[in-house]
Amino acid sequence: MSLPPGAKESGWLEFKYRNTGEPIRFPVGTIRGGAGDGPTLVVVGGMHGSEFAGIEAAIRIFNEVDPAGLRGTLKVCTIYNLPAFVNHLGFVVPHDGKNPSTTFPGSPIGTYSEAMAYYFDQEVLSKADAMVELHGGDIPEALTPFVIAPVTGDEALDARIRAMAVAYNIPIIASRKMPDPARPPVRSAFGVTALRGKPAMLVESGQQGILNLAEVETHLVGLRNVLIHLGMLPGQIVNTVKRLYSEEHLAIRSEHAGMWYPAVKITDWVKAEQVVGRIRDYFGGPIAEVKAAADGIVTVVRTSPAVAAGNVLLEEDRVTSREE
């Protein structure tokens, strides 16, 4: 039975993984507005199970929104990657070691994380008129808040995505082409949603697997703003930041296993080819210098010294314009 107007419910979406019979479970809350028709906004927390600022923000926005004043429908998955959350893991789904951000739209006969993505997409994501994917800096990451705004090539849609990103009140907005010939196919929840013609974005606030309420509040301000921006709630959008606009969000990955020693910190400005850190072996001997990929601002720094080949060491944004 569908939820009546002005009602709120929370519970479990439950499925079985066909290959083994194991359960697949998502905690999902739905609020159907009593103030009239409107869009369906899907908010997803815990894509990475140790990114607690995003998880807590998802929980709080669900509890905060009064159905009586809402137009449309708000659907909130508080912890998408529950297996990682309960096992205190960063980034991956423990059943198959895959990053869930690379598994959408999934497959019912794929690996466990691909089946997770399939069922969630069928039941929740595919019904979104707009979508916000909340992240919060996983266990080995220091980061400064930023938004990744997809660029689909549809000018009208891209303008709607950019407007939603601006409304989030975060100071760095990074464009990401979708699809991008230089990257693998789009497999993220927010990217798949954008390519379906719906405004969607990924937002980061939080770091190092710590629940910091100030970083949660950054997400909450953004989510409230988005609800107002979409016409789902009344109110005035909070706008307190001067934005930097990036045309390229770059990740620098390690080519070696060893010990990582960063030479920069978040919000530092770097030049292309500048040494941003070093990798040493387990006796302290030099292995490699790590250099910036472009002129830009450092948005993420790996804070764990333990590094394997393929790990992200640093992320930076190539800023092309700014608000004065």
C-alpha atoms as a PDB file:
ATOM      1  CA  MET A   1       0.000   0.000   0.000  1.00  0.00           C
ATOM      2  CA  SER A   2       1.347   3.425  -0.923  1.00  0.00           C
ATOM      3  CA  LEU A   3       2.109   5.979   1.773  1.00  0.00           C
ATOM      4  CA  PRO A   4      -0.701   8.547   2.205  1.00  0.00           C
ATOM      5  CA  PRO A   5       0.000  12.290   1.973  1.00  0.00           C
ATOM      6  CA  GLY A   6       1.386  13.797   5.164  1.00  0.00           C
ATOM      7  CA  ALA A   7       2.906  10.523   6.389  1.00  0.00           C
ATOM      8  CA  LYS A   8       6.387   9.293   7.260  1.00  0.00           C
ATOM      9  CA  GLU A   9       7.638   5.727   7.518  1.00  0.00           C
ATOM     10  CA  SER A  10      10.967   3.971   7.996  1.00  0.00           C
ATOM     11  CA  GLY A  11      11.958   0.364   7.602  1.00  0.00           C
ATOM     12  CA  TRP A  12      14.033  -2.144   5.704  1.00  0.00           C
ATOM     13  CA  LEU A  13      14.206  -2.937   2.032  1.00  0.00           C
ATOM     14  CA  GLU A  14      15.197  -6.593   2.038  1.00  0.00           C
ATOM     15  CA  PHE A  15      16.253  -8.924  -0.760  1.00  0.00           C
ATOM     16  CA  LYS A  16      18.141 -12.179  -1.143  1.00  0.00           C
ATOM     17  CA  TYR A  17      21.406 -12.530  -2.983  1.00  0.00           C
ATOM     18  CA  ARG A  18      20.572 -15.186  -5.547  1.00  0.00           C
ATOM     19  CA  ASN A  19      24.010 -16.784  -5.600  1.00  0.00           C
ATOM     20  CA  THR A  20      24.131 -17.636  -1.886  1.00  0.00           C
ATOM     21  CA  GLY A  21      20.798 -16.749  -0.308  1.00  0.00           C
ATOM     22  CA  GLU A  22      22.456 -14.088   1.896  1.00  0.00           C
ATOM     23  CA  PRO A  23      20.303 -11.092   2.817  1.00  0.00           C
ATOM     24  CA  ILE A  24      20.719  -7.693   1.191  1.00  0.00           C
ATOM     25  CA  ARG A  25      19.247  -4.965   3.397  1.00  0.00           C
ATOM     26  CA  PHE A  26      18.901  -1.189   3.186  1.00  0.00           C
ATOM     27  CA  PRO A  27      17.500   1.137   5.883  1.00  0.00           C
ATOM     28  CA  VAL A  28      15.176   3.455   3.950  1.00  0.00           C
ATOM     29  CA  GLY A  29      12.783   6.138   5.144  1.00  0.00           C
ATOM     30  CA  THR A  30      10.063   7.789   3.078  1.00  0.00           C
ATOM     31  CA  ILE A  31       8.259  11.063   3.702  1.00  0.00           C
ATOM     32  CA  ARG A  32       5.262  11.849   1.514  1.00  0.00           C
ATOM     33  CA  GLY A  33       4.441  15.495   1.704  1.00  0.00           C
ATOM     34  CA  GLY A  34       1.098  16.759   2.852  1.00  0.00           C
ATOM     35  CA  ALA A  35       1.484  20.223   1.336  1.00  0.00           C
ATOM     36  CA  GLY A  36       0.929  19.208  -2.282  1.00  0.00           C
ATOM     37  CA  ASP A  37       2.560  17.537  -5.246  1.00  0.00           C
ATOM     38  CA  GLY A  38       6.255  17.888  -5.974  1.00  0.00           C
ATOM     39  CA  PRO A  39       9.338  15.976  -7.048  1.00  0.00           C
ATOM     40  CA  THR A  40      10.814  12.868  -5.468  1.00  0.00           C
ATOM     41  CA  LEU A  41      14.223  13.631  -3.957  1.00  0.00           C
ATOM     42  CA  VAL A  42      16.398  10.636  -3.104  1.00  0.00           C
ATOM     43  CA  VAL A  43      19.166  11.145  -0.525  1.00  0.00           C
ATOM     44  CA  VAL A  44      21.745   8.386  -0.096  1.00  0.00           C
ATOM     45  CA  GLY A  45      24.094   8.209   2.893  1.00  0.00           C
ATOM     46  CA  GLY A  46      26.753   5.637   3.614  1.00  0.00           C
ATOM     47  CA  MET A  47      27.740   4.656   0.087  1.00  0.00           C
ATOM     48  CA  HIS A  48      31.029   4.176   1.922  1.00  0.00           C
ATOM     49  CA  GLY A  49      30.198   2.706   5.307  1.00  0.00           C
ATOM     50  CA  SER A  50      32.717   4.645   7.412  1.00  0.00           C
ATOM     51  CA  GLU A  51      31.862   8.103   6.083  1.00  0.00           C
ATOM     52  CA  PHE A  52      29.900   9.078   9.152  1.00  0.00           C
ATOM     53  CA  ALA A  53      29.154  12.759   8.508  1.00  0.00           C
ATOM     54  CA  GLY A  54      27.058  11.830   5.475  1.00  0.00           C
ATOM     55  CA  ILE A  55      25.340   9.004   7.337  1.00  0.00           C
ATOM     56  CA  GLU A  56      24.430  11.207  10.298  1.00  0.00           C
ATOM     57  CA  ALA A  57      23.174  13.964   7.996  1.00  0.00           C
ATOM     58  CA  ALA A  58      20.903  11.461   6.223  1.00  0.00           C
ATOM     59  CA  ILE A  59      19.508  10.299   9.568  1.00  0.00           C
ATOM     60  CA  ARG A  60      18.956  13.857  10.797  1.00  0.00           C
ATOM     61  CA  ILE A  61      17.288  15.211   7.656  1.00  0.00           C
ATOM     62  CA  PHE A  62      14.843  12.297   7.691  1.00  0.00           C
ATOM     63  CA  ASN A  63      13.897  13.002  11.305  1.00  0.00           C
ATOM     64  CA  GLU A  64      13.838  16.772  10.829  1.00  0.00           C
ATOM     65  CA  VAL A  65      11.476  17.099   7.881  1.00  0.00           C
ATOM     66  CA  ASP A  66       7.820  17.491   8.857  1.00  0.00           C
ATOM     67  CA  PRO A  67       5.552  15.749   6.326  1.00  0.00           C
ATOM     68  CA  ALA A  68       2.867  18.398   6.786  1.00  0.00           C
ATOM     69  CA  GLY A  69       5.071  21.119   5.287  1.00  0.00           C
ATOM     70  CA  LEU A  70       6.627  19.054   2.494  1.00  0.00           C
ATOM     71  CA  ARG A  71       5.680  19.055  -1.179  1.00  0.00           C
ATOM     72  CA  GLY A  72       6.518  15.884  -3.063  1.00  0.00           C
ATOM     73  CA  THR A  73       8.385  12.923  -1.611  1.00  0.00           C
ATOM     74  CA  LEU A  74      11.681  12.595   0.224  1.00  0.00           C
ATOM     75  CA  LYS A  75      13.286   9.144   0.253  1.00  0.00           C
ATOM     76  CA  VAL A  76      16.369   8.679   2.447  1.00  0.00           C
ATOM     77  CA  CYS A  77      18.675   5.680   2.565  1.00  0.00           C
ATOM     78  CA  THR A  78      20.645   6.354   5.725  1.00  0.00           C
ATOM     79  CA  ILE A  79      23.367   3.689   5.230  1.00  0.00           C
ATOM     80  CA  TYR A  80      23.631   2.174   1.763  1.00  0.00           C
ATOM     81  CA  ASN A  81      26.745   0.076   2.454  1.00  0.00           C
ATOM     82  CA  LEU A  82      25.573  -1.497   5.699  1.00  0.00           C
ATOM     83  CA  PRO A  83      28.031  -4.446   5.474  1.00  0.00           C
ATOM     84  CA  ALA A  84      30.969  -2.005   5.553  1.00  0.00           C
ATOM     85  CA  PHE A  85      29.388   0.043   8.339  1.00  0.00           C
ATOM     86  CA  VAL A  86      28.908  -2.894  10.709  1.00  0.00           C
ATOM     87  CA  ASN A  87      32.399  -4.238   9.941  1.00  0.00           C
ATOM     88  CA  HIS A  88      34.167  -0.843  10.360  1.00  0.00           C
ATOM     89  CA  LEU A  89      35.534  -0.926   6.804  1.00  0.00           C
ATOM     90  CA  GLY A  90      36.421   1.879   4.441  1.00  0.00           C
ATOM     91  CA  PHE A  91      35.406   2.180   0.782  1.00  0.00           C
ATOM     92  CA  VAL A  92      34.440  -1.379  -0.178  1.00  0.00           C
ATOM     93  CA  VAL A  93      31.678  -3.941   0.262  1.00  0.00           C
ATOM     94  CA  PRO A  94      33.339  -6.741   2.281  1.00  0.00           C
ATOM     95  CA  HIS A  95      31.634  -9.574   0.397  1.00  0.00           C
ATOM     96  CA  ASP A  96      33.511  -8.924  -2.843  1.00  0.00           C
ATOM     97  CA  GLY A  97      35.954  -6.084  -2.160  1.00  0.00           C
ATOM     98  CA  LYS A  98      34.310  -3.777  -4.694  1.00  0.00           C
ATOM     99  CA  ASN A  99      33.795  -0.065  -4.270  1.00  0.00           C
ATOM    100  CA  PRO A 100      29.992   0.376  -4.435  1.00  0.00           C
ATOM    101  CA  SER A 101      30.497   3.648  -6.317  1.00  0.00           C
ATOM    102  CA  THR A 102      31.568   1.534  -9.303  1.00  0.00           C
ATOM    103  CA  THR A 103      28.693  -0.973  -9.389  1.00  0.00           C
ATOM    104  CA  PHE A 104      25.558   0.827 -10.659  1.00  0.00           C
ATOM    105  CA  PRO A 105      23.090   0.061 -12.134  1.00  0.00           C
ATOM    106  CA  GLY A 106      24.137  -3.400 -11.021  1.00  0.00           C
ATOM    107  CA  SER A 107      23.029  -6.919 -11.893  1.00  0.00           C
ATOM    108  CA  PRO A 108      20.888  -9.450 -10.012  1.00  0.00           C
ATOM    109  CA  ILE A 109      23.293 -12.222 -11.013  1.00  0.00           C
ATOM    110  CA  GLY A 110      26.529 -10.302 -10.461  1.00  0.00           C
ATOM    111  CA  THR A 111      28.704 -10.146  -7.368  1.00  0.00           C
ATOM    112  CA  TYR A 112      27.156  -9.178  -4.028  1.00  0.00           C
ATOM    113  CA  SER A 113      27.791  -5.436  -4.433  1.00  0.00           C
ATOM    114  CA  GLU A 114      26.437  -5.528  -8.006  1.00  0.00           C
ATOM    115  CA  ALA A 115      23.274  -7.216  -6.727  1.00  0.00           C
ATOM    116  CA  MET A 116      23.018  -4.541  -3.993  1.00  0.00           C
ATOM    117  CA  ALA A 117      23.171  -1.851  -6.654  1.00  0.00           C
ATOM    118  CA  TYR A 118      20.588  -3.598  -8.844  1.00  0.00           C
ATOM    119  CA  TYR A 119      17.944  -3.972  -6.146  1.00  0.00           C
ATOM    120  CA  PHE A 120      18.497  -0.491  -4.771  1.00  0.00           C
ATOM    121  CA  ASP A 121      18.339   0.991  -8.249  1.00  0.00           C
ATOM    122  CA  GLN A 122      15.128  -0.843  -9.077  1.00  0.00           C
ATOM    123  CA  GLU A 123      13.340   0.062  -5.854  1.00  0.00           C
ATOM    124  CA  VAL A 124      14.689   3.526  -5.028  1.00  0.00           C
ATOM    125  CA  LEU A 125      17.139   5.222  -7.365  1.00  0.00           C
ATOM    126  CA  SER A 126      15.200   4.769 -10.592  1.00  0.00           C
ATOM    127  CA  LYS A 127      12.234   6.588  -9.028  1.00  0.00           C
ATOM    128  CA  ALA A 128      14.225   9.767  -8.260  1.00  0.00           C
ATOM    129  CA  ASP A 129      13.433  13.112  -9.858  1.00  0.00           C
ATOM    130  CA  ALA A 130      16.576  14.465  -8.167  1.00  0.00           C
ATOM    131  CA  MET A 131      19.303  12.820  -6.129  1.00  0.00           C
ATOM    132  CA  VAL A 132      22.017  13.745  -3.627  1.00  0.00           C
ATOM    133  CA  GLU A 133      24.749  11.239  -2.750  1.00  0.00           C
ATOM    134  CA  LEU A 134      26.288  12.075   0.643  1.00  0.00           C
ATOM    135  CA  HIS A 135      29.939  11.310   1.353  1.00  0.00           C
ATOM    136  CA  GLY A 136      32.032  12.147   4.376  1.00  0.00           C
ATOM    137  CA  GLY A 137      35.745  11.411   4.063  1.00  0.00           C
ATOM    138  CA  ASP A 138      36.598   7.764   4.675  1.00  0.00           C
ATOM    139  CA  ILE A 139      39.035   6.390   7.267  1.00  0.00           C
ATOM    140  CA  PRO A 140      42.314   7.420   5.585  1.00  0.00           C
ATOM    141  CA  GLU A 141      41.125  10.709   4.048  1.00  0.00           C
ATOM    142  CA  ALA A 142      41.446  14.324   5.106  1.00  0.00           C
ATOM    143  CA  LEU A 143      39.300  16.515   2.882  1.00  0.00           C
ATOM    144  CA  THR A 144      37.727  19.925   2.500  1.00  0.00           C
ATOM    145  CA  PRO A 145      34.047  20.033   1.472  1.00  0.00           C
ATOM    146  CA  PHE A 146      33.284  19.931  -2.239  1.00  0.00           C
ATOM    147  CA  VAL A 147      30.530  19.056  -4.698  1.00  0.00           C
ATOM    148  CA  ILE A 148      30.949  16.968  -7.825  1.00  0.00           C
ATOM    149  CA  ALA A 149      28.426  18.147 -10.412  1.00  0.00           C
ATOM    150  CA  PRO A 150      27.986  15.901 -13.459  1.00  0.00           C
ATOM    151  CA  VAL A 151      28.155  17.392 -16.930  1.00  0.00           C
ATOM    152  CA  THR A 152      26.003  15.322 -19.280  1.00  0.00           C
ATOM    153  CA  GLY A 153      26.073  17.452 -22.426  1.00  0.00           C
ATOM    154  CA  ASP A 154      22.373  18.275 -22.064  1.00  0.00           C
ATOM    155  CA  GLU A 155      22.608  22.028 -21.464  1.00  0.00           C
ATOM    156  CA  ALA A 156      19.243  22.369 -19.743  1.00  0.00           C
ATOM    157  CA  LEU A 157      19.916  19.437 -17.419  1.00  0.00           C
ATOM    158  CA  ASP A 158      23.464  20.586 -16.699  1.00  0.00           C
ATOM    159  CA  ALA A 159      22.135  24.016 -15.726  1.00  0.00           C
ATOM    160  CA  ARG A 160      19.713  22.367 -13.280  1.00  0.00           C
ATOM    161  CA  ILE A 161      22.530  20.275 -11.802  1.00  0.00           C
ATOM    162  CA  ARG A 162      24.767  23.334 -11.437  1.00  0.00           C
ATOM    163  CA  ALA A 163      21.969  25.288  -9.739  1.00  0.00           C
ATOM    164  CA  MET A 164      21.411  22.457  -7.259  1.00  0.00           C
ATOM    165  CA  ALA A 165      25.166  22.299  -6.577  1.00  0.00           C
ATOM    166  CA  VAL A 166      25.300  26.044  -5.956  1.00  0.00           C
ATOM    167  CA  ALA A 167      22.359  25.752  -3.562  1.00  0.00           C
ATOM    168  CA  TYR A 168      24.299  23.270  -1.404  1.00  0.00           C
ATOM    169  CA  ASN A 169      26.396  26.133   0.031  1.00  0.00           C
ATOM    170  CA  ILE A 170      29.766  24.384  -0.319  1.00  0.00           C
ATOM    171  CA  PRO A 171      32.757  26.429  -1.524  1.00  0.00           C
ATOM    172  CA  ILE A 172      34.200  24.100  -4.206  1.00  0.00           C
ATOM    173  CA  ILE A 173      32.097  22.893  -7.128  1.00  0.00           C
ATOM    174  CA  ALA A 174      33.828  20.476  -9.483  1.00  0.00           C
ATOM    175  CA  SER A 175      32.453  19.576 -12.905  1.00  0.00           C
ATOM    176  CA  ARG A 176      32.778  15.991 -14.081  1.00  0.00           C
ATOM    177  CA  LYS A 177      32.023  14.999 -17.665  1.00  0.00           C
ATOM    178  CA  MET A 178      29.748  11.985 -18.010  1.00  0.00           C
ATOM    179  CA  PRO A 179      30.677   9.971 -19.852  1.00  0.00           C
ATOM    180  CA  ASP A 180      34.338  10.946 -20.075  1.00  0.00           C
ATOM    181  CA  PRO A 181      36.486   9.127 -22.674  1.00  0.00           C
ATOM    182  CA  ALA A 182      39.439   9.338 -20.245  1.00  0.00           C
ATOM    183  CA  ARG A 183      37.552   7.494 -17.497  1.00  0.00           C
ATOM    184  CA  PRO A 184      35.892   4.095 -17.118  1.00  0.00           C
ATOM    185  CA  PRO A 185      32.149   3.880 -17.921  1.00  0.00           C
ATOM    186  CA  VAL A 186      29.835   5.678 -15.486  1.00  0.00           C
ATOM    187  CA  ARG A 187      29.008   3.316 -12.629  1.00  0.00           C
ATOM    188  CA  SER A 188      28.286   5.692  -9.741  1.00  0.00           C
ATOM    189  CA  ALA A 189      24.783   6.127  -8.337  1.00  0.00           C
ATOM    190  CA  PHE A 190      24.783   9.892  -8.934  1.00  0.00           C
ATOM    191  CA  GLY A 191      26.314   9.519 -12.405  1.00  0.00           C
ATOM    192  CA  VAL A 192      23.792   6.911 -13.547  1.00  0.00           C
ATOM    193  CA  THR A 193      20.975   9.110 -12.238  1.00  0.00           C
ATOM    194  CA  ALA A 194      22.297  12.164 -14.103  1.00  0.00           C
ATOM    195  CA  LEU A 195      22.549  10.215 -17.350  1.00  0.00           C
ATOM    196  CA  ARG A 196      18.859   9.350 -16.933  1.00  0.00           C
ATOM    197  CA  GLY A 197      18.117  13.054 -17.223  1.00  0.00           C
ATOM    198  CA  LYS A 198      17.684  13.792 -13.512  1.00  0.00           C
ATOM    199  CA  PRO A 199      19.643  16.378 -11.485  1.00  0.00           C
ATOM    200  CA  ALA A 200      22.100  14.487  -9.276  1.00  0.00           C
ATOM    201  CA  MET A 201      25.353  15.231  -7.477  1.00  0.00           C
ATOM    202  CA  LEU A 202      27.897  13.896  -5.023  1.00  0.00           C
ATOM    203  CA  VAL A 203      28.735  16.012  -1.974  1.00  0.00           C
ATOM    204  CA  GLU A 204      31.614  15.647   0.469  1.00  0.00           C
ATOM    205  CA  SER A 205      31.826  16.947   4.036  1.00  0.00           C
ATOM    206  CA  GLY A 206      33.642  15.078   6.779  1.00  0.00           C
ATOM    207  CA  GLN A 207      36.945  13.285   7.078  1.00  0.00           C
ATOM    208  CA  GLN A 208      38.990  10.419   8.486  1.00  0.00           C
ATOM    209  CA  GLY A 209      36.038   8.285   9.569  1.00  0.00           C
ATOM    210  CA  ILE A 210      35.172  10.713  12.380  1.00  0.00           C
ATOM    211  CA  LEU A 211      31.701  11.922  13.310  1.00  0.00           C
ATOM    212  CA  ASN A 212      32.159  15.673  13.580  1.00  0.00           C
ATOM    213  CA  LEU A 213      28.869  17.515  14.058  1.00  0.00           C
ATOM    214  CA  ALA A 214      30.120  20.688  12.389  1.00  0.00           C
ATOM    215  CA  GLU A 215      30.770  18.658   9.231  1.00  0.00           C
ATOM    216  CA  VAL A 216      27.321  17.065   9.581  1.00  0.00           C
ATOM    217  CA  GLU A 217      25.806  20.540   9.775  1.00  0.00           C
ATOM    218  CA  THR A 218      27.465  21.465   6.463  1.00  0.00           C
ATOM    219  CA  HIS A 219      25.493  18.628   4.863  1.00  0.00           C
ATOM    220  CA  LEU A 220      22.295  19.577   6.683  1.00  0.00           C
ATOM    221  CA  VAL A 221      22.458  23.181   5.499  1.00  0.00           C
ATOM    222  CA  GLY A 222      22.988  21.885   1.976  1.00  0.00           C
ATOM    223  CA  LEU A 223      20.122  19.395   2.133  1.00  0.00           C
ATOM    224  CA  ARG A 224      17.718  21.994   3.540  1.00  0.00           C
ATOM    225  CA  ASN A 225      18.778  24.359   0.769  1.00  0.00           C
ATOM    226  CA  VAL A 226      18.173  21.706  -1.888  1.00  0.00           C
ATOM    227  CA  LEU A 227      14.678  21.013  -0.539  1.00  0.00           C
ATOM    228  CA  ILE A 228      13.923  24.746  -0.705  1.00  0.00           C
ATOM    229  CA  HIS A 229      15.544  25.057  -4.142  1.00  0.00           C
ATOM    230  CA  LEU A 230      13.374  22.228  -5.508  1.00  0.00           C
ATOM    231  CA  GLY A 231      10.223  23.837  -4.113  1.00  0.00           C
ATOM    232  CA  MET A 232       9.677  21.007  -1.643  1.00  0.00           C
ATOM    233  CA  LEU A 233       9.960  23.155   1.496  1.00  0.00           C
ATOM    234  CA  PRO A 234       9.335  26.857   2.125  1.00  0.00           C
ATOM    235  CA  GLY A 235      12.160  29.035   3.350  1.00  0.00           C
ATOM    236  CA  GLN A 236      15.192  31.098   2.415  1.00  0.00           C
ATOM    237  CA  ILE A 237      18.301  29.458   0.965  1.00  0.00           C
ATOM    238  CA  VAL A 238      21.400  29.932   3.114  1.00  0.00           C
ATOM    239  CA  ASN A 239      24.247  31.350   1.022  1.00  0.00           C
ATOM    240  CA  THR A 240      27.384  32.045   3.055  1.00  0.00           C
ATOM    241  CA  VAL A 241      30.276  30.917   0.824  1.00  0.00           C
ATOM    242  CA  LYS A 242      32.304  32.265  -2.087  1.00  0.00           C
ATOM    243  CA  ARG A 243      32.574  29.458  -4.595  1.00  0.00           C
ATOM    244  CA  LEU A 244      35.514  28.127  -6.546  1.00  0.00           C
ATOM    245  CA  TYR A 245      34.540  26.401  -9.801  1.00  0.00           C
ATOM    246  CA  SER A 246      36.675  23.526 -11.007  1.00  0.00           C
ATOM    247  CA  GLU A 247      36.560  22.074 -14.495  1.00  0.00           C
ATOM    248  CA  GLU A 248      38.535  18.990 -13.486  1.00  0.00           C
ATOM    249  CA  HIS A 249      38.684  16.923 -10.297  1.00  0.00           C
ATOM    250  CA  LEU A 250      41.910  14.916 -10.396  1.00  0.00           C
ATOM    251  CA  ALA A 251      42.944  11.886  -8.349  1.00  0.00           C
ATOM    252  CA  ILE A 252      46.645  11.034  -8.009  1.00  0.00           C
ATOM    253  CA  ARG A 253      47.138   7.322  -7.350  1.00  0.00           C
ATOM    254  CA  SER A 254      50.142   5.466  -6.057  1.00  0.00           C
ATOM    255  CA  GLU A 255      52.138   3.286  -8.398  1.00  0.00           C
ATOM    256  CA  HIS A 256      53.887   1.584  -5.486  1.00  0.00           C
ATOM    257  CA  ALA A 257      53.335  -0.120  -2.153  1.00  0.00           C
ATOM    258  CA  GLY A 258      55.107   1.419   0.813  1.00  0.00           C
ATOM    259  CA  MET A 259      54.881   4.283   3.301  1.00  0.00           C
ATOM    260  CA  TRP A 260      53.261   7.552   2.182  1.00  0.00           C
ATOM    261  CA  TYR A 261      54.506  10.925   3.448  1.00  0.00           C
ATOM    262  CA  PRO A 262      52.436  13.877   2.158  1.00  0.00           C
ATOM    263  CA  ALA A 263      54.133  17.248   1.761  1.00  0.00           C
ATOM    264  CA  VAL A 264      50.924  19.261   1.393  1.00  0.00           C
ATOM    265  CA  LYS A 265      47.636  19.595   3.246  1.00  0.00           C
ATOM    266  CA  ILE A 266      44.041  20.216   2.247  1.00  0.00           C
ATOM    267  CA  THR A 267      43.273  23.662   0.759  1.00  0.00           C
ATOM    268  CA  ASP A 268      46.934  24.166  -0.242  1.00  0.00           C
ATOM    269  CA  TRP A 269      47.425  25.546  -3.744  1.00  0.00           C
ATOM    270  CA  VAL A 270      49.872  23.561  -5.861  1.00  0.00           C
ATOM    271  CA  LYS A 271      51.560  23.870  -9.239  1.00  0.00           C
ATOM    272  CA  ALA A 272      51.756  21.154 -11.878  1.00  0.00           C
ATOM    273  CA  GLU A 273      54.759  18.880 -11.262  1.00  0.00           C
ATOM    274  CA  GLN A 274      55.206  20.203  -7.714  1.00  0.00           C
ATOM    275  CA  VAL A 275      56.301  17.459  -5.317  1.00  0.00           C
ATOM    276  CA  VAL A 276      53.291  16.810  -3.068  1.00  0.00           C
ATOM    277  CA  GLY A 277      54.659  13.819  -1.189  1.00  0.00           C
ATOM    278  CA  ARG A 278      57.005  10.867  -1.166  1.00  0.00           C
ATOM    279  CA  ILE A 279      56.752   7.121  -0.922  1.00  0.00           C
ATOM    280  CA  ARG A 280      59.390   5.229   1.030  1.00  0.00           C
ATOM    281  CA  ASP A 281      59.972   1.549   1.616  1.00  0.00           C
ATOM    282  CA  TYR A 282      59.518  -0.173   4.957  1.00  0.00           C
ATOM    283  CA  PHE A 283      63.085   0.680   5.976  1.00  0.00           C
ATOM    284  CA  GLY A 284      62.691   4.378   5.125  1.00  0.00           C
ATOM    285  CA  GLY A 285      64.455   4.204   1.780  1.00  0.00           C
ATOM    286  CA  PRO A 286      63.142   6.375  -1.080  1.00  0.00           C
ATOM    287  CA  ILE A 287      60.882   4.785  -3.675  1.00  0.00           C
ATOM    288  CA  ALA A 288      59.243   7.690  -5.516  1.00  0.00           C
ATOM    289  CA  GLU A 289      58.366  11.353  -5.452  1.00  0.00           C
ATOM    290  CA  VAL A 290      54.679  12.101  -6.083  1.00  0.00           C
ATOM    291  CA  LYS A 291      53.886  15.208  -8.140  1.00  0.00           C
ATOM    292  CA  ALA A 292      50.802  17.344  -8.683  1.00  0.00           C
ATOM    293  CA  ALA A 293      48.945  16.631 -11.909  1.00  0.00           C
ATOM    294  CA  ALA A 294      47.961  20.256 -12.547  1.00  0.00           C
ATOM    295  CA  ASP A 295      47.773  23.710 -11.028  1.00  0.00           C
ATOM    296  CA  GLY A 296      44.999  23.585  -8.478  1.00  0.00           C
ATOM    297  CA  ILE A 297      43.742  23.340  -4.919  1.00  0.00           C
ATOM    298  CA  VAL A 298      44.249  20.222  -2.796  1.00  0.00           C
ATOM    299  CA  THR A 299      40.871  18.831  -1.749  1.00  0.00           C
ATOM    300  CA  VAL A 300      41.762  15.362  -0.404  1.00  0.00           C
ATOM    301  CA  VAL A 301      44.942  14.012   1.204  1.00  0.00           C
ATOM    302  CA  ARG A 302      45.498  10.413   2.229  1.00  0.00           C
ATOM    303  CA  THR A 303      46.436  10.558   5.906  1.00  0.00           C
ATOM    304  CA  SER A 304      47.276   6.894   6.380  1.00  0.00           C
ATOM    305  CA  PRO A 305      50.947   6.119   5.707  1.00  0.00           C
ATOM    306  CA  ALA A 306      50.078   2.584   4.576  1.00  0.00           C
ATOM    307  CA  VAL A 307      49.687   2.617   0.814  1.00  0.00           C
ATOM    308  CA  ALA A 308      49.264   0.033  -1.923  1.00  0.00           C
ATOM    309  CA  ALA A 309      49.533   0.414  -5.663  1.00  0.00           C
ATOM    310  CA  GLY A 310      46.324   2.002  -6.928  1.00  0.00           C
ATOM    311  CA  ASN A 311      45.441   3.830  -3.707  1.00  0.00           C
ATOM    312  CA  VAL A 312      44.469   7.477  -4.055  1.00  0.00           C
ATOM    313  CA  LEU A 313      47.144   9.648  -2.435  1.00  0.00           C
ATOM    314  CA  LEU A 314      45.756  13.079  -3.176  1.00  0.00           C
ATOM    315  CA  GLU A 315      42.909  14.758  -5.026  1.00  0.00           C
ATOM    316  CA  GLU A 316      43.033  18.254  -6.454  1.00  0.00           C
ATOM    317  CA  ASP A 317      40.748  20.572  -8.358  1.00  0.00           C
ATOM    318  CA  ARG A 318      41.750  22.643 -11.360  1.00  0.00           C
ATOM    319  CA  VAL A 319      39.987  25.902 -10.560  1.00  0.00           C
ATOM    320  CA  THR A 320      38.945  27.964 -13.578  1.00  0.00           C
ATOM    321  CA  SER A 321      36.731  30.633 -11.990  1.00  0.00           C
ATOM    322  CA  ARG A 322      35.676  31.985  -8.646  1.00  0.00           C
ATOM    323  CA  GLU A 323      33.040  34.156  -7.006  1.00  0.00           C
ATOM    324  CA  GLU A 324      34.311  37.507  -5.789  1.00  0.00           C
END
